[in-house]
Amino acid sequence: MIFKPSTRKDKRLMVQFSNGVVVHFGAKSGQTYIDHGDKLKRKNYIARHGVLEKWTDPYKASTLSRYLLWETPYFEKNHQEYMRRFNVS
């Protein structure tokens, strides 16, 4: 997985997987758990988005946001866990 700033004006990051899939994710506006570390905001994000999302497709922007930006306050730790969880690189 290779991360870069997104080339889309409203997205924060883009990732290219080893299979060539490119996904833009994360709203450029606002903050995530890796920015603020606020557990209540994290809980509310998961409750709000978990109603519609199942977060099982590793190539969906919502799954990337959930597990890379909202899992722990540490992006690299989240990245390693994401690769393990979904068996992707």
PDB file of N, CA and C in Angstrom:
ATOM      1  N   MET A   1       0.849  -1.173   0.000  1.00  0.00           N
ATOM      2  CA  MET A   1       0.000   0.000   0.000  1.00  0.00           C
ATOM      3  C   MET A   1       0.895   1.236   0.000  1.00  0.00           C
ATOM      4  N   ILE A   2       0.636   2.116  -0.948  1.00  0.00           N
ATOM      5  CA  ILE A   2       1.381   3.364  -1.033  1.00  0.00           C
ATOM      6  C   ILE A   2       0.405   4.514  -0.820  1.00  0.00           C
ATOM      7  N   PHE A   3       0.687   5.354   0.167  1.00  0.00           N
ATOM      8  CA  PHE A   3      -0.169   6.485   0.499  1.00  0.00           C
ATOM      9  C   PHE A   3       0.425   7.776  -0.040  1.00  0.00           C
ATOM     10  N   LYS A   4      -0.461   8.628  -0.537  1.00  0.00           N
ATOM     11  CA  LYS A   4      -0.084   9.961  -1.016  1.00  0.00           C
ATOM     12  C   LYS A   4      -1.229  10.905  -0.687  1.00  0.00           C
ATOM     13  N   PRO A   5      -0.958  12.213  -0.678  1.00  0.00           N
ATOM     14  CA  PRO A   5      -2.077  13.149  -0.574  1.00  0.00           C
ATOM     15  C   PRO A   5      -2.993  12.961  -1.785  1.00  0.00           C
ATOM     16  N   SER A   6      -4.272  13.047  -1.559  1.00  0.00           N
ATOM     17  CA  SER A   6      -5.226  12.847  -2.646  1.00  0.00           C
ATOM     18  C   SER A   6      -5.128  13.957  -3.685  1.00  0.00           C
ATOM     19  N   THR A   7      -5.367  13.589  -4.928  1.00  0.00           N
ATOM     20  CA  THR A   7      -5.416  14.567  -6.013  1.00  0.00           C
ATOM     21  C   THR A   7      -6.829  15.122  -6.177  1.00  0.00           C
ATOM     22  N   ARG A   8      -7.770  14.608  -5.402  1.00  0.00           N
ATOM     23  CA  ARG A   8      -9.135  15.142  -5.410  1.00  0.00           C
ATOM     24  C   ARG A   8      -9.228  16.232  -4.350  1.00  0.00           C
ATOM     25  N   LYS A   9      -9.862  17.330  -4.715  1.00  0.00           N
ATOM     26  CA  LYS A   9      -9.863  18.502  -3.837  1.00  0.00           C
ATOM     27  C   LYS A   9     -10.570  18.268  -2.501  1.00  0.00           C
ATOM     28  N   ASP A  10     -11.520  17.335  -2.438  1.00  0.00           N
ATOM     29  CA  ASP A  10     -12.282  17.134  -1.210  1.00  0.00           C
ATOM     30  C   ASP A  10     -11.820  15.925  -0.396  1.00  0.00           C
ATOM     31  N   LYS A  11     -10.779  15.215  -0.836  1.00  0.00           N
ATOM     32  CA  LYS A  11     -10.306  14.024  -0.142  1.00  0.00           C
ATOM     33  C   LYS A  11      -8.924  14.254   0.450  1.00  0.00           C
ATOM     34  N   ARG A  12      -8.660  13.570   1.531  1.00  0.00           N
ATOM     35  CA  ARG A  12      -7.442  13.746   2.291  1.00  0.00           C
ATOM     36  C   ARG A  12      -6.278  12.905   1.753  1.00  0.00           C
ATOM     37  N   LEU A  13      -6.526  11.637   1.523  1.00  0.00           N
ATOM     38  CA  LEU A  13      -5.476  10.710   1.112  1.00  0.00           C
ATOM     39  C   LEU A  13      -5.913   9.852  -0.061  1.00  0.00           C
ATOM     40  N   MET A  14      -4.923   9.290  -0.737  1.00  0.00           N
ATOM     41  CA  MET A  14      -5.205   8.253  -1.715  1.00  0.00           C
ATOM     42  C   MET A  14      -4.216   7.127  -1.452  1.00  0.00           C
ATOM     43  N   VAL A  15      -4.662   5.926  -1.736  1.00  0.00           N
ATOM     44  CA  VAL A  15      -3.815   4.758  -1.533  1.00  0.00           C
ATOM     45  C   VAL A  15      -3.815   3.946  -2.811  1.00  0.00           C
ATOM     46  N   GLN A  16      -2.649   3.416  -3.144  1.00  0.00           N
ATOM     47  CA  GLN A  16      -2.551   2.495  -4.256  1.00  0.00           C
ATOM     48  C   GLN A  16      -2.148   1.148  -3.679  1.00  0.00           C
ATOM     49  N   PHE A  17      -2.990   0.154  -3.944  1.00  0.00           N
ATOM     50  CA  PHE A  17      -2.721  -1.196  -3.485  1.00  0.00           C
ATOM     51  C   PHE A  17      -1.780  -1.899  -4.463  1.00  0.00           C
ATOM     52  N   SER A  18      -1.178  -2.986  -4.034  1.00  0.00           N
ATOM     53  CA  SER A  18      -0.223  -3.707  -4.883  1.00  0.00           C
ATOM     54  C   SER A  18      -0.871  -4.264  -6.149  1.00  0.00           C
ATOM     55  N   ASN A  19      -2.201  -4.431  -6.142  1.00  0.00           N
ATOM     56  CA  ASN A  19      -2.902  -4.921  -7.334  1.00  0.00           C
ATOM     57  C   ASN A  19      -3.279  -3.791  -8.292  1.00  0.00           C
ATOM     58  N   GLY A  20      -2.863  -2.551  -7.985  1.00  0.00           N
ATOM     59  CA  GLY A  20      -3.115  -1.417  -8.852  1.00  0.00           C
ATOM     60  C   GLY A  20      -4.347  -0.597  -8.520  1.00  0.00           C
ATOM     61  N   VAL A  21      -5.200  -1.087  -7.637  1.00  0.00           N
ATOM     62  CA  VAL A  21      -6.408  -0.351  -7.252  1.00  0.00           C
ATOM     63  C   VAL A  21      -6.009   0.931  -6.520  1.00  0.00           C
ATOM     64  N   VAL A  22      -6.613   2.046  -6.915  1.00  0.00           N
ATOM     65  CA  VAL A  22      -6.383   3.344  -6.269  1.00  0.00           C
ATOM     66  C   VAL A  22      -7.696   3.809  -5.657  1.00  0.00           C
ATOM     67  N   VAL A  23      -7.640   4.219  -4.396  1.00  0.00           N
ATOM     68  CA  VAL A  23      -8.835   4.686  -3.688  1.00  0.00           C
ATOM     69  C   VAL A  23      -8.503   5.999  -2.992  1.00  0.00           C
ATOM     70  N   HIS A  24      -9.366   6.996  -3.157  1.00  0.00           N
ATOM     71  CA  HIS A  24      -9.263   8.272  -2.456  1.00  0.00           C
ATOM     72  C   HIS A  24     -10.202   8.193  -1.250  1.00  0.00           C
ATOM     73  N   PHE A  25      -9.734   8.646  -0.094  1.00  0.00           N
ATOM     74  CA  PHE A  25     -10.573   8.534   1.108  1.00  0.00           C
ATOM     75  C   PHE A  25     -10.260   9.626   2.114  1.00  0.00           C
ATOM     76  N   GLY A  26     -11.165   9.774   3.066  1.00  0.00           N
ATOM     77  CA  GLY A  26     -11.021  10.756   4.128  1.00  0.00           C
ATOM     78  C   GLY A  26     -11.387  12.154   3.651  1.00  0.00           C
ATOM     79  N   ALA A  27     -12.325  12.763   4.334  1.00  0.00           N
ATOM     80  CA  ALA A  27     -12.715  14.131   3.993  1.00  0.00           C
ATOM     81  C   ALA A  27     -11.573  15.082   4.329  1.00  0.00           C
ATOM     82  N   LYS A  28     -11.282  15.973   3.422  1.00  0.00           N
ATOM     83  CA  LYS A  28     -10.220  16.953   3.659  1.00  0.00           C
ATOM     84  C   LYS A  28     -10.609  17.916   4.769  1.00  0.00           C
ATOM     85  N   SER A  29     -11.884  18.247   4.826  1.00  0.00           N
ATOM     86  CA  SER A  29     -12.368  19.112   5.904  1.00  0.00           C
ATOM     87  C   SER A  29     -12.606  18.256   7.150  1.00  0.00           C
ATOM     88  N   GLY A  30     -12.472  18.853   8.277  1.00  0.00           N
ATOM     89  CA  GLY A  30     -12.713  18.122   9.521  1.00  0.00           C
ATOM     90  C   GLY A  30     -11.497  17.358  10.004  1.00  0.00           C
ATOM     91  N   GLN A  31     -11.659  16.740  11.153  1.00  0.00           N
ATOM     92  CA  GLN A  31     -10.573  15.989  11.773  1.00  0.00           C
ATOM     93  C   GLN A  31     -11.009  14.567  12.040  1.00  0.00           C
ATOM     94  N   THR A  32     -10.034  13.692  12.210  1.00  0.00           N
ATOM     95  CA  THR A  32     -10.303  12.291  12.510  1.00  0.00           C
ATOM     96  C   THR A  32      -9.661  11.932  13.840  1.00  0.00           C
ATOM     97  N   TYR A  33      -9.825  10.683  14.231  1.00  0.00           N
ATOM     98  CA  TYR A  33      -9.265  10.216  15.505  1.00  0.00           C
ATOM     99  C   TYR A  33      -7.747  10.341  15.526  1.00  0.00           C
ATOM    100  N   ILE A  34      -7.087  10.183  14.388  1.00  0.00           N
ATOM    101  CA  ILE A  34      -5.627  10.343  14.387  1.00  0.00           C
ATOM    102  C   ILE A  34      -5.224  11.802  14.601  1.00  0.00           C
ATOM    103  N   ASP A  35      -6.143  12.733  14.377  1.00  0.00           N
ATOM    104  CA  ASP A  35      -5.855  14.148  14.604  1.00  0.00           C
ATOM    105  C   ASP A  35      -6.126  14.568  16.043  1.00  0.00           C
ATOM    106  N   HIS A  36      -7.271  14.161  16.570  1.00  0.00           N
ATOM    107  CA  HIS A  36      -7.690  14.676  17.876  1.00  0.00           C
ATOM    108  C   HIS A  36      -7.654  13.658  19.008  1.00  0.00           C
ATOM    109  N   GLY A  37      -7.736  12.373  18.744  1.00  0.00           N
ATOM    110  CA  GLY A  37      -7.693  11.356  19.789  1.00  0.00           C
ATOM    111  C   GLY A  37      -8.872  11.383  20.750  1.00  0.00           C
ATOM    112  N   ASP A  38      -9.956  12.007  20.356  1.00  0.00           N
ATOM    113  CA  ASP A  38     -11.139  12.134  21.206  1.00  0.00           C
ATOM    114  C   ASP A  38     -11.990  10.866  21.126  1.00  0.00           C
ATOM    115  N   LYS A  39     -12.042  10.119  22.229  1.00  0.00           N
ATOM    116  CA  LYS A  39     -12.753   8.835  22.243  1.00  0.00           C
ATOM    117  C   LYS A  39     -14.255   8.975  22.034  1.00  0.00           C
ATOM    118  N   LEU A  40     -14.839  10.048  22.519  1.00  0.00           N
ATOM    119  CA  LEU A  40     -16.276  10.248  22.325  1.00  0.00           C
ATOM    120  C   LEU A  40     -16.583  10.510  20.848  1.00  0.00           C
ATOM    121  N   LYS A  41     -15.762  11.338  20.208  1.00  0.00           N
ATOM    122  CA  LYS A  41     -15.966  11.594  18.776  1.00  0.00           C
ATOM    123  C   LYS A  41     -15.781  10.305  17.970  1.00  0.00           C
ATOM    124  N   ARG A  42     -14.831   9.476  18.374  1.00  0.00           N
ATOM    125  CA  ARG A  42     -14.614   8.187  17.695  1.00  0.00           C
ATOM    126  C   ARG A  42     -15.845   7.301  17.843  1.00  0.00           C
ATOM    127  N   LYS A  43     -16.346   7.217  19.057  1.00  0.00           N
ATOM    128  CA  LYS A  43     -17.543   6.405  19.322  1.00  0.00           C
ATOM    129  C   LYS A  43     -18.718   6.895  18.480  1.00  0.00           C
ATOM    130  N   ASN A  44     -18.897   8.203  18.415  1.00  0.00           N
ATOM    131  CA  ASN A  44     -19.995   8.776  17.633  1.00  0.00           C
ATOM    132  C   ASN A  44     -19.818   8.531  16.134  1.00  0.00           C
ATOM    133  N   TYR A  45     -18.588   8.634  15.641  1.00  0.00           N
ATOM    134  CA  TYR A  45     -18.316   8.369  14.226  1.00  0.00           C
ATOM    135  C   TYR A  45     -18.694   6.929  13.884  1.00  0.00           C
ATOM    136  N   ILE A  46     -18.251   5.996  14.695  1.00  0.00           N
ATOM    137  CA  ILE A  46     -18.522   4.580  14.434  1.00  0.00           C
ATOM    138  C   ILE A  46     -20.018   4.302  14.504  1.00  0.00           C
ATOM    139  N   ALA A  47     -20.698   4.874  15.469  1.00  0.00           N
ATOM    140  CA  ALA A  47     -22.151   4.675  15.589  1.00  0.00           C
ATOM    141  C   ALA A  47     -22.890   5.279  14.397  1.00  0.00           C
ATOM    142  N   ARG A  48     -22.481   6.454  13.990  1.00  0.00           N
ATOM    143  CA  ARG A  48     -23.141   7.160  12.886  1.00  0.00           C
ATOM    144  C   ARG A  48     -22.928   6.453  11.552  1.00  0.00           C
ATOM    145  N   HIS A  49     -21.724   6.017  11.280  1.00  0.00           N
ATOM    146  CA  HIS A  49     -21.407   5.404   9.996  1.00  0.00           C
ATOM    147  C   HIS A  49     -21.641   3.896   9.979  1.00  0.00           C
ATOM    148  N   GLY A  50     -21.620   3.274  11.127  1.00  0.00           N
ATOM    149  CA  GLY A  50     -21.798   1.829  11.203  1.00  0.00           C
ATOM    150  C   GLY A  50     -23.202   1.367  10.864  1.00  0.00           C
ATOM    151  N   VAL A  51     -24.157   2.269  10.872  1.00  0.00           N
ATOM    152  CA  VAL A  51     -25.535   1.933  10.532  1.00  0.00           C
ATOM    153  C   VAL A  51     -25.633   1.492   9.074  1.00  0.00           C
ATOM    154  N   LEU A  52     -24.938   2.176   8.200  1.00  0.00           N
ATOM    155  CA  LEU A  52     -25.007   1.887   6.767  1.00  0.00           C
ATOM    156  C   LEU A  52     -23.819   1.086   6.246  1.00  0.00           C
ATOM    157  N   GLU A  53     -22.706   1.150   6.909  1.00  0.00           N
ATOM    158  CA  GLU A  53     -21.486   0.507   6.436  1.00  0.00           C
ATOM    159  C   GLU A  53     -21.192  -0.761   7.220  1.00  0.00           C
ATOM    160  N   LYS A  54     -20.702  -1.770   6.523  1.00  0.00           N
ATOM    161  CA  LYS A  54     -20.290  -3.011   7.188  1.00  0.00           C
ATOM    162  C   LYS A  54     -18.776  -3.121   7.279  1.00  0.00           C
ATOM    163  N   TRP A  55     -18.057  -2.249   6.553  1.00  0.00           N
ATOM    164  CA  TRP A  55     -16.602  -2.168   6.598  1.00  0.00           C
ATOM    165  C   TRP A  55     -15.932  -3.518   6.356  1.00  0.00           C
ATOM    166  N   THR A  56     -16.365  -4.219   5.314  1.00  0.00           N
ATOM    167  CA  THR A  56     -15.770  -5.516   5.000  1.00  0.00           C
ATOM    168  C   THR A  56     -14.987  -5.513   3.688  1.00  0.00           C
ATOM    169  N   ASP A  57     -15.185  -4.517   2.846  1.00  0.00           N
ATOM    170  CA  ASP A  57     -14.491  -4.436   1.563  1.00  0.00           C
ATOM    171  C   ASP A  57     -13.254  -3.554   1.736  1.00  0.00           C
ATOM    172  N   PRO A  58     -12.057  -4.140   1.663  1.00  0.00           N
ATOM    173  CA  PRO A  58     -10.843  -3.355   1.916  1.00  0.00           C
ATOM    174  C   PRO A  58     -10.574  -2.276   0.874  1.00  0.00           C
ATOM    175  N   TYR A  59     -11.289  -2.308  -0.256  1.00  0.00           N
ATOM    176  CA  TYR A  59     -11.066  -1.337  -1.323  1.00  0.00           C
ATOM    177  C   TYR A  59     -12.099  -0.215  -1.338  1.00  0.00           C
ATOM    178  N   LYS A  60     -12.948  -0.147  -0.324  1.00  0.00           N
ATOM    179  CA  LYS A  60     -13.933   0.939  -0.215  1.00  0.00           C
ATOM    180  C   LYS A  60     -13.353   2.064   0.645  1.00  0.00           C
ATOM    181  N   ALA A  61     -13.639   3.293   0.236  1.00  0.00           N
ATOM    182  CA  ALA A  61     -13.160   4.460   0.970  1.00  0.00           C
ATOM    183  C   ALA A  61     -13.645   4.449   2.414  1.00  0.00           C
ATOM    184  N   SER A  62     -14.870   4.008   2.633  1.00  0.00           N
ATOM    185  CA  SER A  62     -15.415   3.992   4.000  1.00  0.00           C
ATOM    186  C   SER A  62     -14.640   3.027   4.889  1.00  0.00           C
ATOM    187  N   THR A  63     -14.228   1.892   4.352  1.00  0.00           N
ATOM    188  CA  THR A  63     -13.457   0.926   5.134  1.00  0.00           C
ATOM    189  C   THR A  63     -12.073   1.483   5.447  1.00  0.00           C
ATOM    190  N   LEU A  64     -11.454   2.101   4.463  1.00  0.00           N
ATOM    191  CA  LEU A  64     -10.148   2.721   4.687  1.00  0.00           C
ATOM    192  C   LEU A  64     -10.234   3.806   5.761  1.00  0.00           C
ATOM    193  N   SER A  65     -11.233   4.657   5.667  1.00  0.00           N
ATOM    194  CA  SER A  65     -11.395   5.723   6.665  1.00  0.00           C
ATOM    195  C   SER A  65     -11.604   5.137   8.050  1.00  0.00           C
ATOM    196  N   ARG A  66     -12.495   4.164   8.139  1.00  0.00           N
ATOM    197  CA  ARG A  66     -12.820   3.575   9.446  1.00  0.00           C
ATOM    198  C   ARG A  66     -11.581   2.996  10.123  1.00  0.00           C
ATOM    199  N   TYR A  67     -10.838   2.180   9.402  1.00  0.00           N
ATOM    200  CA  TYR A  67      -9.741   1.456  10.038  1.00  0.00           C
ATOM    201  C   TYR A  67      -8.391   2.176   9.999  1.00  0.00           C
ATOM    202  N   LEU A  68      -8.208   3.129   9.115  1.00  0.00           N
ATOM    203  CA  LEU A  68      -6.937   3.858   9.086  1.00  0.00           C
ATOM    204  C   LEU A  68      -6.999   5.185   9.837  1.00  0.00           C
ATOM    205  N   LEU A  69      -8.159   5.843   9.796  1.00  0.00           N
ATOM    206  CA  LEU A  69      -8.264   7.169  10.413  1.00  0.00           C
ATOM    207  C   LEU A  69      -8.999   7.178  11.747  1.00  0.00           C
ATOM    208  N   TRP A  70      -9.751   6.120  12.035  1.00  0.00           N
ATOM    209  CA  TRP A  70     -10.587   6.121  13.235  1.00  0.00           C
ATOM    210  C   TRP A  70     -10.342   4.945  14.186  1.00  0.00           C
ATOM    211  N   GLU A  71      -9.359   4.102  13.944  1.00  0.00           N
ATOM    212  CA  GLU A  71      -9.129   2.932  14.800  1.00  0.00           C
ATOM    213  C   GLU A  71      -8.356   3.294  16.062  1.00  0.00           C
ATOM    214  N   THR A  72      -7.162   3.832  15.898  1.00  0.00           N
ATOM    215  CA  THR A  72      -6.348   4.326  17.013  1.00  0.00           C
ATOM    216  C   THR A  72      -5.808   5.686  16.586  1.00  0.00           C
ATOM    217  N   PRO A  73      -5.177   6.418  17.487  1.00  0.00           N
ATOM    218  CA  PRO A  73      -4.588   7.708  17.098  1.00  0.00           C
ATOM    219  C   PRO A  73      -3.281   7.565  16.305  1.00  0.00           C
ATOM    220  N   TYR A  74      -2.880   6.341  15.981  1.00  0.00           N
ATOM    221  CA  TYR A  74      -1.581   6.090  15.361  1.00  0.00           C
ATOM    222  C   TYR A  74      -1.745   5.501  13.963  1.00  0.00           C
ATOM    223  N   PHE A  75      -1.488   6.312  12.951  1.00  0.00           N
ATOM    224  CA  PHE A  75      -1.721   5.892  11.571  1.00  0.00           C
ATOM    225  C   PHE A  75      -0.924   4.647  11.203  1.00  0.00           C
ATOM    226  N   GLU A  76       0.356   4.613  11.532  1.00  0.00           N
ATOM    227  CA  GLU A  76       1.185   3.469  11.139  1.00  0.00           C
ATOM    228  C   GLU A  76       0.691   2.179  11.796  1.00  0.00           C
ATOM    229  N   LYS A  77       0.304   2.260  13.044  1.00  0.00           N
ATOM    230  CA  LYS A  77      -0.264   1.093  13.731  1.00  0.00           C
ATOM    231  C   LYS A  77      -1.544   0.647  13.023  1.00  0.00           C
ATOM    232  N   ASN A  78      -2.391   1.598  12.663  1.00  0.00           N
ATOM    233  CA  ASN A  78      -3.637   1.292  11.954  1.00  0.00           C
ATOM    234  C   ASN A  78      -3.345   0.652  10.598  1.00  0.00           C
ATOM    235  N   HIS A  79      -2.326   1.162   9.918  1.00  0.00           N
ATOM    236  CA  HIS A  79      -1.939   0.632   8.610  1.00  0.00           C
ATOM    237  C   HIS A  79      -1.517  -0.835   8.723  1.00  0.00           C
ATOM    238  N   GLN A  80      -0.674  -1.139   9.677  1.00  0.00           N
ATOM    239  CA  GLN A  80      -0.216  -2.522   9.862  1.00  0.00           C
ATOM    240  C   GLN A  80      -1.385  -3.450  10.187  1.00  0.00           C
ATOM    241  N   GLU A  81      -2.265  -3.004  11.055  1.00  0.00           N
ATOM    242  CA  GLU A  81      -3.433  -3.816  11.426  1.00  0.00           C
ATOM    243  C   GLU A  81      -4.380  -3.994  10.239  1.00  0.00           C
ATOM    244  N   TYR A  82      -4.539  -2.965   9.426  1.00  0.00           N
ATOM    245  CA  TYR A  82      -5.392  -3.033   8.235  1.00  0.00           C
ATOM    246  C   TYR A  82      -4.883  -4.103   7.272  1.00  0.00           C
ATOM    247  N   MET A  83      -3.581  -4.091   7.025  1.00  0.00           N
ATOM    248  CA  MET A  83      -2.999  -5.083   6.114  1.00  0.00           C
ATOM    249  C   MET A  83      -3.190  -6.492   6.663  1.00  0.00           C
ATOM    250  N   ARG A  84      -3.044  -6.659   7.966  1.00  0.00           N
ATOM    251  CA  ARG A  84      -3.240  -7.968   8.582  1.00  0.00           C
ATOM    252  C   ARG A  84      -4.713  -8.383   8.520  1.00  0.00           C
ATOM    253  N   ARG A  85      -5.609  -7.476   8.876  1.00  0.00           N
ATOM    254  CA  ARG A  85      -7.030  -7.759   8.928  1.00  0.00           C
ATOM    255  C   ARG A  85      -7.581  -8.196   7.558  1.00  0.00           C
ATOM    256  N   PHE A  86      -7.169  -7.495   6.508  1.00  0.00           N
ATOM    257  CA  PHE A  86      -7.726  -7.730   5.176  1.00  0.00           C
ATOM    258  C   PHE A  86      -6.782  -8.498   4.241  1.00  0.00           C
ATOM    259  N   ASN A  87      -5.593  -8.803   4.732  1.00  0.00           N
ATOM    260  CA  ASN A  87      -4.607  -9.547   3.945  1.00  0.00           C
ATOM    261  C   ASN A  87      -4.336  -8.846   2.602  1.00  0.00           C
ATOM    262  N   VAL A  88      -4.052  -7.554   2.669  1.00  0.00           N
ATOM    263  CA  VAL A  88      -3.753  -6.746   1.496  1.00  0.00           C
ATOM    264  C   VAL A  88      -2.394  -6.082   1.662  1.00  0.00           C
ATOM    265  N   SER A  89      -1.858  -5.615   0.566  1.00  0.00           N
ATOM    266  CA  SER A  89      -0.593  -4.879   0.625  1.00  0.00           C
ATOM    267  C   SER A  89      -0.572  -3.801  -0.439  1.00  0.00           C
TER     268      SER A  89
END
